[in-house]
Amino acid sequence: MSELKDLIEHISKALVDMPEKVEVREVVGEQTTVIEVDVDESDRGKVIGRDGKTAKAIRTILNAASTKLKKRSVLQIIE
């Protein structure tokens, strides 16, 4: 597993009530890596947050980690 995938998985599992249902996939493209997060329907709001603030914070952390690794990555929350 990549460091970015591990990071997002750790953050997501810490936020939700059912961490066993968290699935994180990494889709590697030519220039950009997409990190897909799939959580239980009842936990989706916890990962997105009010007005998307939690999701934005997770994206900021992912951007910082990606920059350090000299990669480009995008977070996608599966609905």
PDB file of N, CA and C in Angstrom:
ATOM      1  N   MET A   1       0.844  -1.197   0.000  1.00  0.00           N
ATOM      2  CA  MET A   1       0.000   0.000   0.000  1.00  0.00           C
ATOM      3  C   MET A   1       0.881   1.250   0.000  1.00  0.00           C
ATOM      4  N   SER A   2       0.376   2.289  -0.612  1.00  0.00           N
ATOM      5  CA  SER A   2       1.143   3.521  -0.656  1.00  0.00           C
ATOM      6  C   SER A   2       0.938   4.320   0.626  1.00  0.00           C
ATOM      7  N   GLU A   3       1.832   5.254   0.840  1.00  0.00           N
ATOM      8  CA  GLU A   3       1.756   6.096   2.035  1.00  0.00           C
ATOM      9  C   GLU A   3       0.505   6.960   2.034  1.00  0.00           C
ATOM     10  N   LEU A   4       0.131   7.479   0.858  1.00  0.00           N
ATOM     11  CA  LEU A   4      -1.056   8.335   0.774  1.00  0.00           C
ATOM     12  C   LEU A   4      -2.323   7.553   1.078  1.00  0.00           C
ATOM     13  N   LYS A   5      -2.412   6.352   0.538  1.00  0.00           N
ATOM     14  CA  LYS A   5      -3.580   5.504   0.796  1.00  0.00           C
ATOM     15  C   LYS A   5      -3.664   5.171   2.287  1.00  0.00           C
ATOM     16  N   ASP A   6      -2.537   4.822   2.898  1.00  0.00           N
ATOM     17  CA  ASP A   6      -2.509   4.521   4.328  1.00  0.00           C
ATOM     18  C   ASP A   6      -2.959   5.716   5.164  1.00  0.00           C
ATOM     19  N   LEU A   7      -2.491   6.902   4.783  1.00  0.00           N
ATOM     20  CA  LEU A   7      -2.840   8.127   5.504  1.00  0.00           C
ATOM     21  C   LEU A   7      -4.338   8.379   5.475  1.00  0.00           C
ATOM     22  N   ILE A   8      -4.932   8.317   4.293  1.00  0.00           N
ATOM     23  CA  ILE A   8      -6.367   8.581   4.155  1.00  0.00           C
ATOM     24  C   ILE A   8      -7.190   7.503   4.850  1.00  0.00           C
ATOM     25  N   GLU A   9      -6.737   6.255   4.776  1.00  0.00           N
ATOM     26  CA  GLU A   9      -7.444   5.166   5.448  1.00  0.00           C
ATOM     27  C   GLU A   9      -7.436   5.368   6.964  1.00  0.00           C
ATOM     28  N   HIS A  10      -6.303   5.774   7.499  1.00  0.00           N
ATOM     29  CA  HIS A  10      -6.177   6.003   8.944  1.00  0.00           C
ATOM     30  C   HIS A  10      -7.092   7.148   9.396  1.00  0.00           C
ATOM     31  N   ILE A  11      -7.093   8.236   8.652  1.00  0.00           N
ATOM     32  CA  ILE A  11      -7.948   9.383   8.992  1.00  0.00           C
ATOM     33  C   ILE A  11      -9.428   9.002   8.907  1.00  0.00           C
ATOM     34  N   SER A  12      -9.801   8.315   7.835  1.00  0.00           N
ATOM     35  CA  SER A  12     -11.207   7.943   7.630  1.00  0.00           C
ATOM     36  C   SER A  12     -11.705   7.005   8.716  1.00  0.00           C
ATOM     37  N   LYS A  13     -10.898   6.014   9.076  1.00  0.00           N
ATOM     38  CA  LYS A  13     -11.304   5.063  10.114  1.00  0.00           C
ATOM     39  C   LYS A  13     -11.447   5.737  11.469  1.00  0.00           C
ATOM     40  N   ALA A  14     -10.666   6.778  11.712  1.00  0.00           N
ATOM     41  CA  ALA A  14     -10.756   7.495  12.985  1.00  0.00           C
ATOM     42  C   ALA A  14     -12.034   8.326  13.080  1.00  0.00           C
ATOM     43  N   LEU A  15     -12.601   8.706  11.945  1.00  0.00           N
ATOM     44  CA  LEU A  15     -13.777   9.577  11.936  1.00  0.00           C
ATOM     45  C   LEU A  15     -15.107   8.842  12.054  1.00  0.00           C
ATOM     46  N   VAL A  16     -15.165   7.604  11.609  1.00  0.00           N
ATOM     47  CA  VAL A  16     -16.449   6.917  11.461  1.00  0.00           C
ATOM     48  C   VAL A  16     -16.771   5.999  12.641  1.00  0.00           C
ATOM     49  N   ASP A  17     -18.041   5.579  12.713  1.00  0.00           N
ATOM     50  CA  ASP A  17     -18.491   4.651  13.750  1.00  0.00           C
ATOM     51  C   ASP A  17     -18.230   3.201  13.359  1.00  0.00           C
ATOM     52  N   MET A  18     -18.190   2.913  12.060  1.00  0.00           N
ATOM     53  CA  MET A  18     -17.952   1.548  11.584  1.00  0.00           C
ATOM     54  C   MET A  18     -16.666   1.502  10.744  1.00  0.00           C
ATOM     55  N   PRO A  19     -15.502   1.507  11.396  1.00  0.00           N
ATOM     56  CA  PRO A  19     -14.238   1.529  10.647  1.00  0.00           C
ATOM     57  C   PRO A  19     -14.000   0.277   9.808  1.00  0.00           C
ATOM     58  N   GLU A  20     -14.656  -0.819  10.149  1.00  0.00           N
ATOM     59  CA  GLU A  20     -14.461  -2.047   9.375  1.00  0.00           C
ATOM     60  C   GLU A  20     -15.076  -1.944   7.974  1.00  0.00           C
ATOM     61  N   LYS A  21     -15.969  -0.958   7.763  1.00  0.00           N
ATOM     62  CA  LYS A  21     -16.610  -0.798   6.451  1.00  0.00           C
ATOM     63  C   LYS A  21     -15.928   0.259   5.582  1.00  0.00           C
ATOM     64  N   VAL A  22     -14.822   0.801   6.067  1.00  0.00           N
ATOM     65  CA  VAL A  22     -14.091   1.798   5.284  1.00  0.00           C
ATOM     66  C   VAL A  22     -13.252   1.082   4.226  1.00  0.00           C
ATOM     67  N   GLU A  23     -13.415   1.517   2.983  1.00  0.00           N
ATOM     68  CA  GLU A  23     -12.606   0.982   1.886  1.00  0.00           C
ATOM     69  C   GLU A  23     -11.914   2.147   1.192  1.00  0.00           C
ATOM     70  N   VAL A  24     -10.609   2.040   1.052  1.00  0.00           N
ATOM     71  CA  VAL A  24      -9.836   3.065   0.364  1.00  0.00           C
ATOM     72  C   VAL A  24      -9.129   2.408  -0.818  1.00  0.00           C
ATOM     73  N   ARG A  25      -9.358   2.972  -2.001  1.00  0.00           N
ATOM     74  CA  ARG A  25      -8.715   2.451  -3.206  1.00  0.00           C
ATOM     75  C   ARG A  25      -7.861   3.553  -3.818  1.00  0.00           C
ATOM     76  N   GLU A  26      -6.808   3.119  -4.473  1.00  0.00           N
ATOM     77  CA  GLU A  26      -5.912   4.064  -5.120  1.00  0.00           C
ATOM     78  C   GLU A  26      -5.890   3.761  -6.619  1.00  0.00           C
ATOM     79  N   VAL A  27      -6.265   4.746  -7.417  1.00  0.00           N
ATOM     80  CA  VAL A  27      -6.261   4.605  -8.865  1.00  0.00           C
ATOM     81  C   VAL A  27      -5.133   5.492  -9.392  1.00  0.00           C
ATOM     82  N   VAL A  28      -4.083   4.853  -9.884  1.00  0.00           N
ATOM     83  CA  VAL A  28      -2.907   5.589 -10.339  1.00  0.00           C
ATOM     84  C   VAL A  28      -3.035   5.887 -11.826  1.00  0.00           C
ATOM     85  N   GLY A  29      -2.966   7.164 -12.164  1.00  0.00           N
ATOM     86  CA  GLY A  29      -2.992   7.585 -13.555  1.00  0.00           C
ATOM     87  C   GLY A  29      -1.612   8.045 -13.985  1.00  0.00           C
ATOM     88  N   GLU A  30      -1.523   8.610 -15.176  1.00  0.00           N
ATOM     89  CA  GLU A  30      -0.235   9.082 -15.684  1.00  0.00           C
ATOM     90  C   GLU A  30       0.310  10.228 -14.852  1.00  0.00           C
ATOM     91  N   GLN A  31      -0.545  11.211 -14.548  1.00  0.00           N
ATOM     92  CA  GLN A  31      -0.087  12.385 -13.816  1.00  0.00           C
ATOM     93  C   GLN A  31      -0.683  12.491 -12.415  1.00  0.00           C
ATOM     94  N   THR A  32      -1.866  11.968 -12.227  1.00  0.00           N
ATOM     95  CA  THR A  32      -2.585  12.153 -10.970  1.00  0.00           C
ATOM     96  C   THR A  32      -3.031  10.819 -10.400  1.00  0.00           C
ATOM     97  N   THR A  33      -2.963  10.718  -9.082  1.00  0.00           N
ATOM     98  CA  THR A  33      -3.463   9.546  -8.375  1.00  0.00           C
ATOM     99  C   THR A  33      -4.790   9.918  -7.721  1.00  0.00           C
ATOM    100  N   VAL A  34      -5.800   9.090  -7.908  1.00  0.00           N
ATOM    101  CA  VAL A  34      -7.109   9.326  -7.296  1.00  0.00           C
ATOM    102  C   VAL A  34      -7.247   8.380  -6.100  1.00  0.00           C
ATOM    103  N   ILE A  35      -7.513   8.944  -4.934  1.00  0.00           N
ATOM    104  CA  ILE A  35      -7.756   8.167  -3.731  1.00  0.00           C
ATOM    105  C   ILE A  35      -9.269   8.146  -3.524  1.00  0.00           C
ATOM    106  N   GLU A  36      -9.872   6.969  -3.641  1.00  0.00           N
ATOM    107  CA  GLU A  36     -11.320   6.820  -3.479  1.00  0.00           C
ATOM    108  C   GLU A  36     -11.622   6.284  -2.087  1.00  0.00           C
ATOM    109  N   VAL A  37     -12.521   6.954  -1.394  1.00  0.00           N
ATOM    110  CA  VAL A  37     -12.916   6.542  -0.048  1.00  0.00           C
ATOM    111  C   VAL A  37     -14.384   6.142  -0.082  1.00  0.00           C
ATOM    112  N   ASP A  38     -14.651   4.928   0.356  1.00  0.00           N
ATOM    113  CA  ASP A  38     -16.020   4.427   0.418  1.00  0.00           C
ATOM    114  C   ASP A  38     -16.303   4.037   1.863  1.00  0.00           C
ATOM    115  N   VAL A  39     -17.317   4.657   2.460  1.00  0.00           N
ATOM    116  CA  VAL A  39     -17.682   4.358   3.848  1.00  0.00           C
ATOM    117  C   VAL A  39     -19.140   3.938   3.888  1.00  0.00           C
ATOM    118  N   ASP A  40     -19.575   3.412   5.026  1.00  0.00           N
ATOM    119  CA  ASP A  40     -20.970   3.040   5.206  1.00  0.00           C
ATOM    120  C   ASP A  40     -21.848   4.278   5.030  1.00  0.00           C
ATOM    121  N   GLU A  41     -23.039   4.075   4.509  1.00  0.00           N
ATOM    122  CA  GLU A  41     -23.950   5.192   4.234  1.00  0.00           C
ATOM    123  C   GLU A  41     -24.206   6.045   5.476  1.00  0.00           C
ATOM    124  N   SER A  42     -24.300   5.416   6.642  1.00  0.00           N
ATOM    125  CA  SER A  42     -24.580   6.161   7.875  1.00  0.00           C
ATOM    126  C   SER A  42     -23.383   7.001   8.325  1.00  0.00           C
ATOM    127  N   ASP A  43     -22.181   6.682   7.851  1.00  0.00           N
ATOM    128  CA  ASP A  43     -20.975   7.413   8.240  1.00  0.00           C
ATOM    129  C   ASP A  43     -20.545   8.454   7.212  1.00  0.00           C
ATOM    130  N   ARG A  44     -21.207   8.498   6.091  1.00  0.00           N
ATOM    131  CA  ARG A  44     -20.786   9.388   5.009  1.00  0.00           C
ATOM    132  C   ARG A  44     -20.770  10.850   5.455  1.00  0.00           C
ATOM    133  N   GLY A  45     -21.754  11.234   6.237  1.00  0.00           N
ATOM    134  CA  GLY A  45     -21.824  12.611   6.722  1.00  0.00           C
ATOM    135  C   GLY A  45     -20.664  12.978   7.624  1.00  0.00           C
ATOM    136  N   LYS A  46     -20.153  12.024   8.360  1.00  0.00           N
ATOM    137  CA  LYS A  46     -19.016  12.277   9.245  1.00  0.00           C
ATOM    138  C   LYS A  46     -17.745  12.549   8.446  1.00  0.00           C
ATOM    139  N   VAL A  47     -17.596  11.873   7.326  1.00  0.00           N
ATOM    140  CA  VAL A  47     -16.411  12.061   6.493  1.00  0.00           C
ATOM    141  C   VAL A  47     -16.512  13.359   5.683  1.00  0.00           C
ATOM    142  N   ILE A  48     -17.733  13.715   5.271  1.00  0.00           N
ATOM    143  CA  ILE A  48     -17.919  14.937   4.492  1.00  0.00           C
ATOM    144  C   ILE A  48     -17.946  16.164   5.402  1.00  0.00           C
ATOM    145  N   GLY A  49     -18.644  16.060   6.518  1.00  0.00           N
ATOM    146  CA  GLY A  49     -18.716  17.178   7.458  1.00  0.00           C
ATOM    147  C   GLY A  49     -19.736  18.220   7.032  1.00  0.00           C
ATOM    148  N   ARG A  50     -20.001  19.133   7.944  1.00  0.00           N
ATOM    149  CA  ARG A  50     -20.971  20.196   7.657  1.00  0.00           C
ATOM    150  C   ARG A  50     -20.386  21.128   6.596  1.00  0.00           C
ATOM    151  N   ASP A  51     -21.154  21.344   5.550  1.00  0.00           N
ATOM    152  CA  ASP A  51     -20.738  22.162   4.401  1.00  0.00           C
ATOM    153  C   ASP A  51     -19.443  21.658   3.765  1.00  0.00           C
ATOM    154  N   GLY A  52     -19.131  20.374   3.956  1.00  0.00           N
ATOM    155  CA  GLY A  52     -17.947  19.788   3.330  1.00  0.00           C
ATOM    156  C   GLY A  52     -16.632  20.175   3.980  1.00  0.00           C
ATOM    157  N   LYS A  53     -16.680  20.705   5.198  1.00  0.00           N
ATOM    158  CA  LYS A  53     -15.462  21.191   5.853  1.00  0.00           C
ATOM    159  C   LYS A  53     -14.490  20.062   6.208  1.00  0.00           C
ATOM    160  N   THR A  54     -15.004  18.925   6.647  1.00  0.00           N
ATOM    161  CA  THR A  54     -14.128  17.803   6.992  1.00  0.00           C
ATOM    162  C   THR A  54     -13.464  17.249   5.741  1.00  0.00           C
ATOM    163  N   ALA A  55     -14.227  17.110   4.672  1.00  0.00           N
ATOM    164  CA  ALA A  55     -13.668  16.624   3.405  1.00  0.00           C
ATOM    165  C   ALA A  55     -12.603  17.591   2.893  1.00  0.00           C
ATOM    166  N   LYS A  56     -12.847  18.879   3.029  1.00  0.00           N
ATOM    167  CA  LYS A  56     -11.867  19.877   2.599  1.00  0.00           C
ATOM    168  C   LYS A  56     -10.589  19.769   3.427  1.00  0.00           C
ATOM    169  N   ALA A  57     -10.732  19.538   4.716  1.00  0.00           N
ATOM    170  CA  ALA A  57      -9.558  19.387   5.581  1.00  0.00           C
ATOM    171  C   ALA A  57      -8.752  18.140   5.204  1.00  0.00           C
ATOM    172  N   ILE A  58      -9.451  17.045   4.907  1.00  0.00           N
ATOM    173  CA  ILE A  58      -8.765  15.816   4.487  1.00  0.00           C
ATOM    174  C   ILE A  58      -8.044  16.056   3.159  1.00  0.00           C
ATOM    175  N   ARG A  59      -8.687  16.787   2.259  1.00  0.00           N
ATOM    176  CA  ARG A  59      -8.050  17.097   0.966  1.00  0.00           C
ATOM    177  C   ARG A  59      -6.800  17.959   1.171  1.00  0.00           C
ATOM    178  N   THR A  60      -6.850  18.885   2.113  1.00  0.00           N
ATOM    179  CA  THR A  60      -5.689  19.732   2.409  1.00  0.00           C
ATOM    180  C   THR A  60      -4.529  18.891   2.921  1.00  0.00           C
ATOM    181  N   ILE A  61      -4.810  17.948   3.815  1.00  0.00           N
ATOM    182  CA  ILE A  61      -3.772  17.053   4.331  1.00  0.00           C
ATOM    183  C   ILE A  61      -3.201  16.200   3.197  1.00  0.00           C
ATOM    184  N   LEU A  62      -4.085  15.688   2.342  1.00  0.00           N
ATOM    185  CA  LEU A  62      -3.644  14.870   1.210  1.00  0.00           C
ATOM    186  C   LEU A  62      -2.761  15.682   0.267  1.00  0.00           C
ATOM    187  N   ASN A  63      -3.144  16.936   0.021  1.00  0.00           N
ATOM    188  CA  ASN A  63      -2.342  17.807  -0.838  1.00  0.00           C
ATOM    189  C   ASN A  63      -0.954  18.037  -0.255  1.00  0.00           C
ATOM    190  N   ALA A  64      -0.889  18.286   1.048  1.00  0.00           N
ATOM    191  CA  ALA A  64       0.398  18.524   1.697  1.00  0.00           C
ATOM    192  C   ALA A  64       1.285  17.288   1.620  1.00  0.00           C
ATOM    193  N   ALA A  65       0.706  16.120   1.875  1.00  0.00           N
ATOM    194  CA  ALA A  65       1.470  14.873   1.818  1.00  0.00           C
ATOM    195  C   ALA A  65       1.906  14.574   0.382  1.00  0.00           C
ATOM    196  N   SER A  66       1.042  14.844  -0.571  1.00  0.00           N
ATOM    197  CA  SER A  66       1.365  14.609  -1.979  1.00  0.00           C
ATOM    198  C   SER A  66       2.504  15.507  -2.438  1.00  0.00           C
ATOM    199  N   THR A  67       2.458  16.753  -2.024  1.00  0.00           N
ATOM    200  CA  THR A  67       3.508  17.701  -2.388  1.00  0.00           C
ATOM    201  C   THR A  67       4.851  17.241  -1.846  1.00  0.00           C
ATOM    202  N   LYS A  68       4.859  16.755  -0.630  1.00  0.00           N
ATOM    203  CA  LYS A  68       6.103  16.267  -0.028  1.00  0.00           C
ATOM    204  C   LYS A  68       6.674  15.089  -0.821  1.00  0.00           C
ATOM    205  N   LEU A  69       5.778  14.240  -1.338  1.00  0.00           N
ATOM    206  CA  LEU A  69       6.206  13.073  -2.121  1.00  0.00           C
ATOM    207  C   LEU A  69       6.372  13.390  -3.608  1.00  0.00           C
ATOM    208  N   LYS A  70       6.175  14.662  -3.963  1.00  0.00           N
ATOM    209  CA  LYS A  70       6.275  15.121  -5.356  1.00  0.00           C
ATOM    210  C   LYS A  70       5.310  14.367  -6.276  1.00  0.00           C
ATOM    211  N   LYS A  71       4.071  14.249  -5.813  1.00  0.00           N
ATOM    212  CA  LYS A  71       3.013  13.596  -6.581  1.00  0.00           C
ATOM    213  C   LYS A  71       1.800  14.510  -6.618  1.00  0.00           C
ATOM    214  N   ARG A  72       0.850  14.200  -7.492  1.00  0.00           N
ATOM    215  CA  ARG A  72      -0.433  14.892  -7.530  1.00  0.00           C
ATOM    216  C   ARG A  72      -1.501  13.872  -7.170  1.00  0.00           C
ATOM    217  N   SER A  73      -2.395  14.246  -6.281  1.00  0.00           N
ATOM    218  CA  SER A  73      -3.454  13.318  -5.919  1.00  0.00           C
ATOM    219  C   SER A  73      -4.744  14.059  -5.611  1.00  0.00           C
ATOM    220  N   VAL A  74      -5.845  13.333  -5.775  1.00  0.00           N
ATOM    221  CA  VAL A  74      -7.187  13.876  -5.593  1.00  0.00           C
ATOM    222  C   VAL A  74      -7.960  12.911  -4.714  1.00  0.00           C
ATOM    223  N   LEU A  75      -8.753  13.461  -3.793  1.00  0.00           N
ATOM    224  CA  LEU A  75      -9.601  12.657  -2.931  1.00  0.00           C
ATOM    225  C   LEU A  75     -11.006  12.617  -3.513  1.00  0.00           C
ATOM    226  N   GLN A  76     -11.575  11.420  -3.604  1.00  0.00           N
ATOM    227  CA  GLN A  76     -12.948  11.266  -4.085  1.00  0.00           C
ATOM    228  C   GLN A  76     -13.703  10.425  -3.070  1.00  0.00           C
ATOM    229  N   ILE A  77     -14.797  10.984  -2.542  1.00  0.00           N
ATOM    230  CA  ILE A  77     -15.645  10.264  -1.592  1.00  0.00           C
ATOM    231  C   ILE A  77     -16.773   9.630  -2.390  1.00  0.00           C
ATOM    232  N   ILE A  78     -16.846   8.307  -2.368  1.00  0.00           N
ATOM    233  CA  ILE A  78     -17.821   7.568  -3.153  1.00  0.00           C
ATOM    234  C   ILE A  78     -19.190   7.643  -2.486  1.00  0.00           C
ATOM    235  N   GLU A  79     -20.217   7.998  -3.280  1.00  0.00           N
ATOM    236  CA  GLU A  79     -21.578   8.076  -2.740  1.00  0.00           C
ATOM    237  C   GLU A  79     -22.422   6.947  -3.262  1.00  0.00           C
TER     238      GLU A  79
END
